[in-house]
Amino acid sequence: MLTESEALQIVKDAKTVAVYGMQDEANMDRPAYLIPAMLKERGLKLYPINPKIQSSLGEKALASMKDLPIAVDILDVFRRSDAIPELVDEIIALPSEKRPKVIWLQTGISHPAAESKLEQAGFKVISDVCLGVFASRIRPKV
């Protein structure tokens, strides 16, 4: 488990965030739209991942993790805890040049066995914490 200061440093250094389960403008009241909107305001490049939307916040939505063009700094996950094991398999299956540096499970999301599997595969994992709270503390609006 990463310390709070390590998590703050990750957010401070990040430039790119893939948002798994991101919502579009049809669901502007949902955290999976509001948090990414706030991250974008703080200078982060977003990659929405959700096969059910076309785009969000001006960015074309990707259907799955394997469609990412780069290895993002943070994968911010908005999925139920019971969906995490399947997502972990998808993450671990990515080629090294597309693997996110950090997997960030939003507030209320955790799956200890799946998180352990990610850590054993060499990923940094943060769970049950809001990325937006950390970003608002360490990153000014641009």
C-alpha atoms as a PDB file:
ATOM      1  CA  MET A   1       0.000   0.000   0.000  1.00  0.00           C
ATOM      2  CA  LEU A   2       1.321   3.416  -0.952  1.00  0.00           C
ATOM      3  CA  THR A   3       1.626   6.198   1.591  1.00  0.00           C
ATOM      4  CA  GLU A   4      -0.326   9.434   1.293  1.00  0.00           C
ATOM      5  CA  SER A   5       2.824  11.341   0.330  1.00  0.00           C
ATOM      6  CA  GLU A   6       3.618   8.756  -2.392  1.00  0.00           C
ATOM      7  CA  ALA A   7       0.062   9.088  -3.746  1.00  0.00           C
ATOM      8  CA  LEU A   8       0.333  12.895  -3.768  1.00  0.00           C
ATOM      9  CA  GLN A   9       3.636  12.668  -5.676  1.00  0.00           C
ATOM     10  CA  ILE A  10       2.045  10.356  -8.258  1.00  0.00           C
ATOM     11  CA  VAL A  11      -0.764  12.850  -8.833  1.00  0.00           C
ATOM     12  CA  LYS A  12       1.648  15.787  -8.963  1.00  0.00           C
ATOM     13  CA  ASP A  13       3.868  14.078 -11.577  1.00  0.00           C
ATOM     14  CA  ALA A  14       1.029  12.661 -13.711  1.00  0.00           C
ATOM     15  CA  LYS A  15       0.308  14.009 -17.182  1.00  0.00           C
ATOM     16  CA  THR A  16      -2.111  11.387 -18.523  1.00  0.00           C
ATOM     17  CA  VAL A  17      -5.112   9.616 -16.990  1.00  0.00           C
ATOM     18  CA  ALA A  18      -7.241   6.891 -18.549  1.00  0.00           C
ATOM     19  CA  VAL A  19     -10.693   6.868 -16.936  1.00  0.00           C
ATOM     20  CA  TYR A  20     -12.244   3.400 -16.982  1.00  0.00           C
ATOM     21  CA  GLY A  21     -16.027   3.683 -16.820  1.00  0.00           C
ATOM     22  CA  MET A  22     -16.029   7.425 -17.593  1.00  0.00           C
ATOM     23  CA  GLN A  23     -19.436   8.952 -18.277  1.00  0.00           C
ATOM     24  CA  ASP A  24     -20.348  11.523 -20.910  1.00  0.00           C
ATOM     25  CA  GLU A  25     -22.357  14.734 -20.885  1.00  0.00           C
ATOM     26  CA  ALA A  26     -25.612  12.741 -20.604  1.00  0.00           C
ATOM     27  CA  ASN A  27     -24.550  11.915 -17.015  1.00  0.00           C
ATOM     28  CA  MET A  28     -22.898  15.151 -15.889  1.00  0.00           C
ATOM     29  CA  ASP A  29     -24.077  14.659 -12.298  1.00  0.00           C
ATOM     30  CA  ARG A  30     -22.179  11.390 -11.825  1.00  0.00           C
ATOM     31  CA  PRO A  31     -18.750  11.144 -10.185  1.00  0.00           C
ATOM     32  CA  ALA A  32     -17.433   9.317 -13.281  1.00  0.00           C
ATOM     33  CA  TYR A  33     -17.986  12.590 -15.180  1.00  0.00           C
ATOM     34  CA  LEU A  34     -17.395  15.195 -12.457  1.00  0.00           C
ATOM     35  CA  ILE A  35     -14.021  13.862 -11.276  1.00  0.00           C
ATOM     36  CA  PRO A  36     -12.523  13.581 -14.803  1.00  0.00           C
ATOM     37  CA  ALA A  37     -13.820  17.103 -15.583  1.00  0.00           C
ATOM     38  CA  MET A  38     -11.962  18.377 -12.527  1.00  0.00           C
ATOM     39  CA  LEU A  39      -8.808  16.465 -13.534  1.00  0.00           C
ATOM     40  CA  LYS A  40      -8.944  18.055 -16.986  1.00  0.00           C
ATOM     41  CA  GLU A  41      -9.246  21.504 -15.361  1.00  0.00           C
ATOM     42  CA  ARG A  42      -5.998  20.694 -13.590  1.00  0.00           C
ATOM     43  CA  GLY A  43      -4.088  20.016 -16.786  1.00  0.00           C
ATOM     44  CA  LEU A  44      -4.331  16.258 -17.131  1.00  0.00           C
ATOM     45  CA  LYS A  45      -4.838  14.653 -20.557  1.00  0.00           C
ATOM     46  CA  LEU A  46      -7.805  12.269 -20.378  1.00  0.00           C
ATOM     47  CA  TYR A  47      -8.483   9.012 -22.184  1.00  0.00           C
ATOM     48  CA  PRO A  48     -12.116   7.959 -21.559  1.00  0.00           C
ATOM     49  CA  ILE A  49     -12.626   4.181 -21.633  1.00  0.00           C
ATOM     50  CA  ASN A  50     -16.263   3.161 -21.977  1.00  0.00           C
ATOM     51  CA  PRO A  51     -17.710   1.215 -24.924  1.00  0.00           C
ATOM     52  CA  LYS A  52     -21.138   2.772 -24.280  1.00  0.00           C
ATOM     53  CA  ILE A  53     -20.176   6.392 -25.043  1.00  0.00           C
ATOM     54  CA  GLN A  54     -18.762   8.136 -28.126  1.00  0.00           C
ATOM     55  CA  SER A  55     -16.802  10.873 -26.362  1.00  0.00           C
ATOM     56  CA  SER A  56     -16.600  12.880 -23.163  1.00  0.00           C
ATOM     57  CA  LEU A  57     -15.106  16.280 -22.344  1.00  0.00           C
ATOM     58  CA  GLY A  58     -13.989  16.615 -25.961  1.00  0.00           C
ATOM     59  CA  GLU A  59     -12.039  13.339 -25.972  1.00  0.00           C
ATOM     60  CA  LYS A  60     -12.941  10.338 -28.134  1.00  0.00           C
ATOM     61  CA  ALA A  61     -13.956   7.395 -25.971  1.00  0.00           C
ATOM     62  CA  LEU A  62     -12.058   4.113 -26.269  1.00  0.00           C
ATOM     63  CA  ALA A  63     -13.876   0.787 -26.149  1.00  0.00           C
ATOM     64  CA  SER A  64     -11.304  -1.022 -23.981  1.00  0.00           C
ATOM     65  CA  MET A  65      -7.915  -0.845 -22.295  1.00  0.00           C
ATOM     66  CA  LYS A  66      -6.172  -2.350 -25.318  1.00  0.00           C
ATOM     67  CA  ASP A  67      -7.234   0.689 -27.397  1.00  0.00           C
ATOM     68  CA  LEU A  68      -5.039   3.033 -25.344  1.00  0.00           C
ATOM     69  CA  PRO A  69      -2.419   4.620 -27.622  1.00  0.00           C
ATOM     70  CA  ILE A  70       0.122   5.023 -24.791  1.00  0.00           C
ATOM     71  CA  ALA A  71       0.953   3.840 -21.284  1.00  0.00           C
ATOM     72  CA  VAL A  72      -0.899   6.359 -19.124  1.00  0.00           C
ATOM     73  CA  ASP A  73       0.415   7.595 -15.797  1.00  0.00           C
ATOM     74  CA  ILE A  74      -2.804   6.701 -13.943  1.00  0.00           C
ATOM     75  CA  LEU A  75      -5.696   4.372 -14.723  1.00  0.00           C
ATOM     76  CA  ASP A  76      -8.627   5.850 -12.739  1.00  0.00           C
ATOM     77  CA  VAL A  77     -11.303   3.175 -12.274  1.00  0.00           C
ATOM     78  CA  PHE A  78     -15.034   3.795 -11.870  1.00  0.00           C
ATOM     79  CA  ARG A  79     -16.400   0.235 -11.771  1.00  0.00           C
ATOM     80  CA  ARG A  80     -18.054  -1.815  -9.047  1.00  0.00           C
ATOM     81  CA  SER A  81     -15.706  -3.823  -6.859  1.00  0.00           C
ATOM     82  CA  ASP A  82     -17.052  -7.108  -8.264  1.00  0.00           C
ATOM     83  CA  ALA A  83     -15.924  -6.049 -11.765  1.00  0.00           C
ATOM     84  CA  ILE A  84     -12.305  -5.499 -10.688  1.00  0.00           C
ATOM     85  CA  PRO A  85     -10.946  -9.080 -11.122  1.00  0.00           C
ATOM     86  CA  GLU A  86     -11.942  -9.107 -14.813  1.00  0.00           C
ATOM     87  CA  LEU A  87     -10.406  -5.654 -15.281  1.00  0.00           C
ATOM     88  CA  VAL A  88      -7.179  -6.816 -13.591  1.00  0.00           C
ATOM     89  CA  ASP A  89      -6.837  -9.638 -16.124  1.00  0.00           C
ATOM     90  CA  GLU A  90      -7.314  -7.078 -18.926  1.00  0.00           C
ATOM     91  CA  ILE A  91      -4.632  -4.798 -17.419  1.00  0.00           C
ATOM     92  CA  ILE A  92      -2.100  -7.592 -16.906  1.00  0.00           C
ATOM     93  CA  ALA A  93      -2.673  -8.778 -20.513  1.00  0.00           C
ATOM     94  CA  LEU A  94      -1.604  -5.386 -21.910  1.00  0.00           C
ATOM     95  CA  PRO A  95       1.780  -5.205 -23.642  1.00  0.00           C
ATOM     96  CA  SER A  96       4.385  -3.436 -21.504  1.00  0.00           C
ATOM     97  CA  GLU A  97       4.339  -0.300 -23.678  1.00  0.00           C
ATOM     98  CA  LYS A  98       0.629   0.210 -22.871  1.00  0.00           C
ATOM     99  CA  ARG A  99       0.600  -0.652 -19.176  1.00  0.00           C
ATOM    100  CA  PRO A 100      -0.515   2.147 -16.823  1.00  0.00           C
ATOM    101  CA  LYS A 101       1.999   3.101 -14.125  1.00  0.00           C
ATOM    102  CA  VAL A 102      -0.635   3.292 -11.370  1.00  0.00           C
ATOM    103  CA  ILE A 103      -4.057   1.696 -10.968  1.00  0.00           C
ATOM    104  CA  TRP A 104      -6.337   4.006  -8.951  1.00  0.00           C
ATOM    105  CA  LEU A 105      -9.629   2.541  -7.688  1.00  0.00           C
ATOM    106  CA  GLN A 106     -12.037   5.342  -6.760  1.00  0.00           C
ATOM    107  CA  THR A 107     -13.752   5.809  -3.382  1.00  0.00           C
ATOM    108  CA  GLY A 108     -15.794   2.761  -2.418  1.00  0.00           C
ATOM    109  CA  ILE A 109     -13.961   0.452  -4.827  1.00  0.00           C
ATOM    110  CA  SER A 110     -11.628  -2.239  -3.576  1.00  0.00           C
ATOM    111  CA  HIS A 111     -10.926  -5.899  -4.185  1.00  0.00           C
ATOM    112  CA  PRO A 112      -7.981  -7.073  -2.044  1.00  0.00           C
ATOM    113  CA  ALA A 113      -7.284 -10.278  -4.008  1.00  0.00           C
ATOM    114  CA  ALA A 114      -7.320  -8.469  -7.366  1.00  0.00           C
ATOM    115  CA  GLU A 115      -5.200  -5.624  -5.966  1.00  0.00           C
ATOM    116  CA  SER A 116      -2.667  -8.146  -4.695  1.00  0.00           C
ATOM    117  CA  LYS A 117      -2.549  -9.761  -8.146  1.00  0.00           C
ATOM    118  CA  LEU A 118      -1.795  -6.350  -9.700  1.00  0.00           C
ATOM    119  CA  GLU A 119       0.937  -5.617  -7.156  1.00  0.00           C
ATOM    120  CA  GLN A 120       2.524  -9.022  -7.775  1.00  0.00           C
ATOM    121  CA  ALA A 121       2.556  -8.129 -11.492  1.00  0.00           C
ATOM    122  CA  GLY A 122       4.512  -4.955 -10.680  1.00  0.00           C
ATOM    123  CA  PHE A 123       1.763  -2.325 -10.630  1.00  0.00           C
ATOM    124  CA  LYS A 124       1.283   0.387  -8.019  1.00  0.00           C
ATOM    125  CA  VAL A 125      -2.286   0.251  -6.687  1.00  0.00           C
ATOM    126  CA  ILE A 126      -4.358   2.768  -4.753  1.00  0.00           C
ATOM    127  CA  SER A 127      -7.881   1.778  -3.742  1.00  0.00           C
ATOM    128  CA  ASP A 128     -10.952   3.285  -2.088  1.00  0.00           C
ATOM    129  CA  VAL A 129      -9.562   6.826  -2.471  1.00  0.00           C
ATOM    130  CA  CYS A 130     -10.802   9.688  -4.642  1.00  0.00           C
ATOM    131  CA  LEU A 131      -8.252  10.802  -7.226  1.00  0.00           C
ATOM    132  CA  GLY A 132     -10.085  14.138  -7.380  1.00  0.00           C
ATOM    133  CA  VAL A 133      -9.409  14.851  -3.707  1.00  0.00           C
ATOM    134  CA  PHE A 134      -5.667  14.318  -4.224  1.00  0.00           C
ATOM    135  CA  ALA A 135      -5.627  16.334  -7.459  1.00  0.00           C
ATOM    136  CA  SER A 136      -7.418  19.256  -5.816  1.00  0.00           C
ATOM    137  CA  ARG A 137      -4.788  19.294  -3.059  1.00  0.00           C
ATOM    138  CA  ILE A 138      -1.681  19.165  -5.252  1.00  0.00           C
ATOM    139  CA  ARG A 139      -2.579  20.450  -8.743  1.00  0.00           C
ATOM    140  CA  PRO A 140      -3.727  24.023  -9.426  1.00  0.00           C
ATOM    141  CA  LYS A 141      -6.313  24.725 -12.111  1.00  0.00           C
ATOM    142  CA  VAL A 142      -4.779  25.667 -15.476  1.00  0.00           C
END
